[in-house]
Amino acid sequence: GESNIVQVGVPMIGAVVRGMDLVALANYSGKATARGSDATMALIARGDSGITKGNLASLRGKRIAASFGTINHLYILALLEKGGLAPADVTLVNTPPPDMTVALLAKGIDAFVGWDPWPIVALKDVPGAVEIIRGGDAISYVGFNVALRPWVAANGPTIEKFLIAVSEADQWMRKNPKPAAQVATRWIPGLRQDIAETAMEFNIQQADRRLSANNYRAMHEALDRLHRLGFLRATFDVNKHFEPKHMLKVMQDHPALFADLPPIPADAAIGPGYVFRP
């Protein structure tokens, strides 16, 4: 009850499975224009880990840090599948992102997956650290503005004002990445300006608040992977947990806020009454 709208990704899926009646209103990170969107994610390894750049099969037998139940957990599961491996072929170590660089320095892990700025921090602070892969369209980023359904039903005008405001902020970030990075240094304690600027260049690639079929697919594919690999006991119909009408209205009434973005492909564009079919 302390917040009416939150920004959340993979944890929303677990919450819905456990019975929370949540709906996604818009993106906060991801792409409406493409199926793959993981430019802000990377796998970083120690130089002496035996993990080879570009060779995901070399992850076999390694200790890899991830934050369970988050987008970086989803990312490593997808990378393992891409490399022909199963979760049981590695040891996944549940680690908060700010602790991953320390764990790598201490040789408690061989590698970690994370979102920026932590991969960039590790490359600068861990001698010999190697970026094994960044992005790669292994997943579609799952990050939404989310609220409880009863509150959404009663607060349409407030939601639309909020979405206009954050869309304006997104556009400012895309057009002003260096000043936006400076803001980030005040938000994340200890974040250096040079690291923030590098991270922002990746972040703005996913700063697209719009909704399309690609975002429905992103949630469906995340849900399917987590269930198929045994991390979720059940699934749900993603159509029941999107409420796109407010974002669609903002897109229609304020096209200038998105004029600097690529257009949504015709086969991914959605409208009122849209139903996603896998």
Protein backbone atom coordinates (compact mmCIF):
# COMPACT_ATOMS: atom_id res chain seq x y z
CA GLY A 1 0.00 0.00 0.00
CA GLU A 2 3.00 2.36 0.15
CA SER A 3 3.20 2.57 -3.68
CA ASN A 4 0.49 2.49 -6.31
CA ILE A 5 2.73 1.90 -9.36
CA VAL A 6 6.06 0.08 -9.27
CA GLN A 7 8.74 -0.77 -11.82
CA VAL A 8 9.34 -4.50 -11.82
CA GLY A 9 10.18 -7.31 -14.18
CA VAL A 10 10.68 -11.01 -13.44
CA PRO A 11 9.47 -10.72 -9.80
CA MET A 12 6.04 -9.73 -11.17
CA ILE A 13 5.77 -13.17 -12.73
CA GLY A 14 6.42 -14.93 -9.43
CA ALA A 15 3.98 -12.63 -7.64
CA VAL A 16 1.19 -13.39 -10.13
CA VAL A 17 1.81 -17.13 -9.81
CA ARG A 18 1.47 -16.71 -6.03
CA GLY A 19 -1.88 -14.97 -6.46
CA MET A 20 -1.28 -11.20 -6.69
CA ASP A 21 -3.69 -9.59 -9.16
CA LEU A 22 -1.12 -7.41 -10.95
CA VAL A 23 -1.33 -5.81 -14.38
CA ALA A 24 1.42 -4.33 -16.56
CA LEU A 25 0.64 -0.83 -17.80
CA ALA A 26 3.73 0.03 -19.86
CA ASN A 27 7.41 -0.76 -20.26
CA TYR A 28 10.10 0.77 -18.14
CA SER A 29 12.89 -1.12 -19.90
CA GLY A 30 12.64 -3.24 -23.01
CA LYS A 31 11.72 -2.78 -26.63
CA ALA A 32 8.42 -2.50 -28.40
CA THR A 33 10.17 -2.80 -31.77
CA ALA A 34 12.05 -6.12 -31.46
CA ARG A 35 11.76 -9.57 -29.94
CA GLY A 36 15.22 -9.52 -28.38
CA SER A 37 16.29 -6.81 -25.96
CA ASP A 38 19.05 -7.47 -23.45
CA ALA A 39 21.71 -4.87 -24.25
CA THR A 40 21.96 -3.89 -20.57
CA MET A 41 22.91 -7.45 -19.54
CA ALA A 42 26.36 -9.06 -19.61
CA LEU A 43 28.27 -12.13 -18.44
CA ILE A 44 31.64 -11.25 -16.87
CA ALA A 45 34.30 -13.84 -15.98
CA ARG A 46 37.69 -13.89 -14.30
CA GLY A 47 40.52 -14.03 -16.79
CA ASP A 48 41.76 -17.31 -15.28
CA SER A 49 38.31 -18.94 -15.06
CA GLY A 50 38.67 -21.10 -18.16
CA ILE A 51 35.55 -19.51 -19.64
CA THR A 52 36.13 -18.53 -23.25
CA LYS A 53 34.77 -15.35 -24.77
CA GLY A 54 31.87 -16.20 -27.07
CA ASN A 55 31.89 -19.89 -26.06
CA LEU A 56 28.93 -20.47 -23.77
CA ALA A 57 29.61 -24.21 -23.60
CA SER A 58 32.74 -23.35 -21.60
CA LEU A 59 30.46 -22.39 -18.69
CA ARG A 60 30.09 -26.09 -17.84
CA GLY A 61 31.20 -26.83 -14.29
CA LYS A 62 31.66 -23.17 -13.33
CA ARG A 63 30.36 -21.18 -10.35
CA ILE A 64 28.22 -18.33 -11.68
CA ALA A 65 26.62 -15.61 -9.60
CA ALA A 66 23.07 -14.49 -10.37
CA SER A 67 20.27 -12.86 -8.39
CA PHE A 68 17.60 -15.53 -8.20
CA GLY A 69 14.14 -14.48 -9.33
CA THR A 70 15.37 -11.44 -11.27
CA ILE A 71 16.11 -10.62 -14.90
CA ASN A 72 19.75 -11.66 -14.57
CA HIS A 73 18.61 -15.11 -13.40
CA LEU A 74 16.46 -15.35 -16.51
CA TYR A 75 19.41 -14.19 -18.62
CA ILE A 76 21.82 -16.88 -17.38
CA LEU A 77 19.18 -19.58 -17.88
CA ALA A 78 18.80 -18.43 -21.49
CA LEU A 79 22.57 -18.30 -22.03
CA LEU A 80 22.94 -21.83 -20.69
CA GLU A 81 20.29 -23.08 -23.09
CA LYS A 82 21.97 -21.19 -25.92
CA GLY A 83 25.21 -22.98 -25.04
CA GLY A 84 23.56 -26.40 -24.95
CA LEU A 85 23.72 -26.62 -21.16
CA ALA A 86 21.23 -27.18 -18.36
CA PRO A 87 21.16 -25.37 -14.99
CA ALA A 88 22.51 -28.54 -13.38
CA ASP A 89 25.67 -28.25 -15.51
CA VAL A 90 26.80 -25.20 -13.51
CA THR A 91 26.61 -24.00 -9.92
CA LEU A 92 24.45 -20.89 -9.66
CA VAL A 93 25.24 -18.74 -6.63
CA ASN A 94 22.52 -16.38 -5.41
CA THR A 95 24.27 -12.99 -5.12
CA PRO A 96 23.04 -9.36 -4.97
CA PRO A 97 24.42 -7.37 -7.95
CA PRO A 98 26.51 -4.94 -5.84
CA ASP A 99 28.35 -7.93 -4.29
CA MET A 100 29.25 -9.61 -7.58
CA THR A 101 32.44 -7.67 -8.25
CA VAL A 102 33.75 -8.47 -4.75
CA ALA A 103 32.89 -12.15 -5.23
CA LEU A 104 34.79 -12.17 -8.52
CA LEU A 105 37.82 -10.45 -6.95
CA ALA A 106 37.80 -12.94 -4.07
CA LYS A 107 37.58 -15.86 -6.53
CA GLY A 108 34.42 -17.10 -4.83
CA ILE A 109 32.85 -17.33 -8.28
CA ASP A 110 34.13 -17.86 -11.79
CA ALA A 111 31.69 -15.45 -13.43
CA PHE A 112 28.54 -13.46 -12.91
CA VAL A 113 25.59 -12.20 -14.91
CA GLY A 114 24.22 -8.77 -14.19
CA TRP A 115 22.64 -5.59 -15.42
CA ASP A 116 24.54 -2.36 -15.75
CA PRO A 117 26.42 -0.75 -14.15
CA TRP A 118 27.83 -3.84 -12.42
CA PRO A 119 29.40 -5.54 -15.48
CA ILE A 120 31.09 -2.26 -16.38
CA VAL A 121 32.30 -1.82 -12.79
CA ALA A 122 33.80 -5.31 -12.81
CA LEU A 123 35.64 -4.78 -16.09
CA LYS A 124 37.29 -1.69 -14.59
CA ASP A 125 37.92 -2.98 -11.06
CA VAL A 126 38.76 -6.69 -11.47
CA PRO A 127 42.18 -7.25 -13.07
CA GLY A 128 41.89 -9.50 -16.11
CA ALA A 129 38.08 -9.63 -16.08
CA VAL A 130 36.58 -10.57 -19.46
CA GLU A 131 33.20 -9.79 -20.96
CA ILE A 132 32.15 -13.21 -22.27
CA ILE A 133 28.96 -11.89 -23.85
CA ARG A 134 26.86 -8.75 -23.72
CA GLY A 135 23.24 -8.94 -24.74
CA GLY A 136 23.02 -11.25 -27.72
CA ASP A 137 19.20 -11.24 -27.85
CA ALA A 138 19.15 -14.28 -25.59
CA ILE A 139 16.04 -12.87 -23.92
CA SER A 140 13.53 -10.09 -24.34
CA TYR A 141 13.89 -7.77 -21.38
CA VAL A 142 10.98 -7.99 -18.95
CA GLY A 143 10.45 -4.67 -17.17
CA PHE A 144 7.07 -3.03 -16.67
CA ASN A 145 5.16 -0.36 -14.80
CA VAL A 146 2.89 -2.52 -12.67
CA ALA A 147 -0.08 -1.94 -10.38
CA LEU A 148 -2.83 -3.86 -8.64
CA ARG A 149 -5.90 -4.35 -10.83
CA PRO A 150 -8.48 -2.68 -8.52
CA TRP A 151 -6.33 0.47 -8.27
CA VAL A 152 -5.86 0.54 -12.06
CA ALA A 153 -9.61 0.28 -12.63
CA ALA A 154 -10.22 3.33 -10.43
CA ASN A 155 -7.36 5.60 -11.49
CA GLY A 156 -7.19 5.84 -15.28
CA PRO A 157 -6.52 9.60 -15.53
CA THR A 158 -3.77 9.44 -12.90
CA ILE A 159 -2.14 6.52 -14.73
CA GLU A 160 -2.15 8.43 -18.01
CA LYS A 161 -0.58 11.51 -16.40
CA PHE A 162 2.10 9.31 -14.89
CA LEU A 163 2.82 7.59 -18.20
CA ILE A 164 3.10 10.94 -19.99
CA ALA A 165 5.57 12.14 -17.37
CA VAL A 166 7.81 9.07 -17.48
CA SER A 167 7.68 9.04 -21.29
CA GLU A 168 8.92 12.63 -21.25
CA ALA A 169 11.71 11.59 -18.88
CA ASP A 170 12.64 8.66 -21.14
CA GLN A 171 12.90 10.92 -24.16
CA TRP A 172 15.06 13.38 -22.24
CA MET A 173 17.39 10.51 -21.27
CA ARG A 174 17.63 9.31 -24.87
CA LYS A 175 18.48 12.80 -26.06
CA ASN A 176 20.77 13.70 -23.13
CA PRO A 177 22.65 10.57 -22.07
CA LYS A 178 25.56 12.35 -20.35
CA PRO A 179 23.39 14.57 -18.11
CA ALA A 180 21.20 11.51 -17.45
CA ALA A 181 24.30 9.61 -16.37
CA GLN A 182 25.14 12.42 -13.96
CA VAL A 183 21.69 12.00 -12.39
CA ALA A 184 22.41 8.27 -12.02
CA THR A 185 25.55 9.01 -9.99
CA ARG A 186 23.36 10.72 -7.40
CA TRP A 187 20.93 7.80 -7.38
CA ILE A 188 23.46 4.95 -7.01
CA PRO A 189 25.95 5.70 -4.20
CA GLY A 190 29.57 5.49 -5.32
CA LEU A 191 28.80 5.26 -9.05
CA ARG A 192 31.52 7.01 -11.03
CA GLN A 193 30.61 9.35 -13.87
CA ASP A 194 32.61 7.43 -16.50
CA ILE A 195 30.90 4.16 -15.61
CA ALA A 196 27.49 5.84 -15.54
CA GLU A 197 28.04 7.29 -19.02
CA THR A 198 29.02 3.91 -20.45
CA ALA A 199 26.02 2.24 -18.80
CA MET A 200 23.65 4.93 -20.04
CA GLU A 201 24.58 4.23 -23.67
CA PHE A 202 23.20 0.72 -23.21
CA ASN A 203 20.30 1.78 -21.01
CA ILE A 204 18.82 4.20 -23.52
CA GLN A 205 18.64 1.41 -26.10
CA GLN A 206 15.85 -0.05 -23.93
CA ALA A 207 14.21 3.20 -22.78
CA ASP A 208 10.98 2.63 -24.70
CA ARG A 209 7.79 2.98 -22.68
CA ARG A 210 5.52 1.82 -25.55
CA LEU A 211 3.71 -1.51 -25.63
CA SER A 212 3.52 -3.96 -28.51
CA ALA A 213 3.06 -7.67 -29.14
CA ASN A 214 6.79 -8.02 -28.46
CA ASN A 215 6.26 -7.13 -24.81
CA TYR A 216 3.48 -9.68 -24.40
CA ARG A 217 5.82 -12.21 -25.99
CA ALA A 218 8.64 -11.21 -23.63
CA MET A 219 6.52 -11.99 -20.59
CA HIS A 220 5.21 -15.21 -22.10
CA GLU A 221 8.69 -16.46 -22.99
CA ALA A 222 10.06 -15.61 -19.55
CA LEU A 223 7.16 -17.40 -17.89
CA ASP A 224 7.57 -20.42 -20.16
CA ARG A 225 11.32 -20.71 -19.53
CA LEU A 226 11.02 -20.42 -15.76
CA HIS A 227 8.21 -23.00 -15.68
CA ARG A 228 9.86 -25.40 -18.12
CA LEU A 229 13.11 -25.40 -16.12
CA GLY A 230 11.29 -26.01 -12.84
CA PHE A 231 11.59 -22.57 -11.23
CA LEU A 232 7.83 -21.91 -11.28
CA ARG A 233 5.11 -24.35 -10.28
CA ALA A 234 2.45 -22.87 -12.60
CA THR A 235 1.87 -20.53 -15.54
CA PHE A 236 -0.81 -18.01 -16.45
CA ASP A 237 -2.34 -16.30 -19.46
CA VAL A 238 -0.30 -13.15 -20.01
CA ASN A 239 -3.28 -11.44 -21.67
CA LYS A 240 -4.97 -11.30 -18.26
CA HIS A 241 -2.07 -9.35 -16.77
CA PHE A 242 -1.67 -6.50 -19.24
CA GLU A 243 -3.81 -3.39 -19.32
CA PRO A 244 -2.51 -1.56 -22.40
CA LYS A 245 -5.29 1.00 -22.95
CA HIS A 246 -3.68 3.81 -20.97
CA MET A 247 -0.31 3.51 -22.70
CA LEU A 248 -2.00 3.17 -26.08
CA LYS A 249 -3.87 6.42 -25.40
CA VAL A 250 -0.64 8.18 -24.48
CA MET A 251 0.97 6.86 -27.66
CA GLN A 252 -1.96 8.13 -29.73
CA ASP A 253 -2.36 11.51 -28.04
CA HIS A 254 1.34 12.35 -27.62
CA PRO A 255 3.24 10.90 -30.61
CA ALA A 256 6.00 13.51 -30.27
CA LEU A 257 7.18 11.76 -27.10
CA PHE A 258 8.16 8.74 -29.21
CA ALA A 259 9.14 10.43 -32.48
CA ASP A 260 12.85 9.75 -31.88
CA LEU A 261 12.22 5.99 -31.60
CA PRO A 262 11.93 3.51 -34.48
CA PRO A 263 8.31 2.82 -35.42
CA ILE A 264 6.73 -0.33 -34.08
CA PRO A 265 6.55 -2.90 -36.91
CA ALA A 266 3.05 -3.43 -38.28
CA ASP A 267 3.05 -7.10 -37.27
CA ALA A 268 3.81 -6.15 -33.65
CA ALA A 269 1.49 -3.15 -33.30
CA ILE A 270 -1.47 -3.63 -30.97
CA GLY A 271 -4.76 -1.87 -30.41
CA PRO A 272 -7.81 -2.10 -28.15
CA GLY A 273 -8.91 -5.68 -27.66
CA TYR A 274 -5.54 -7.15 -28.64
CA VAL A 275 -5.04 -10.81 -27.68
CA PHE A 276 -1.58 -12.35 -27.69
CA ARG A 277 -1.32 -15.85 -29.13
CA PRO A 278 1.99 -17.71 -28.68
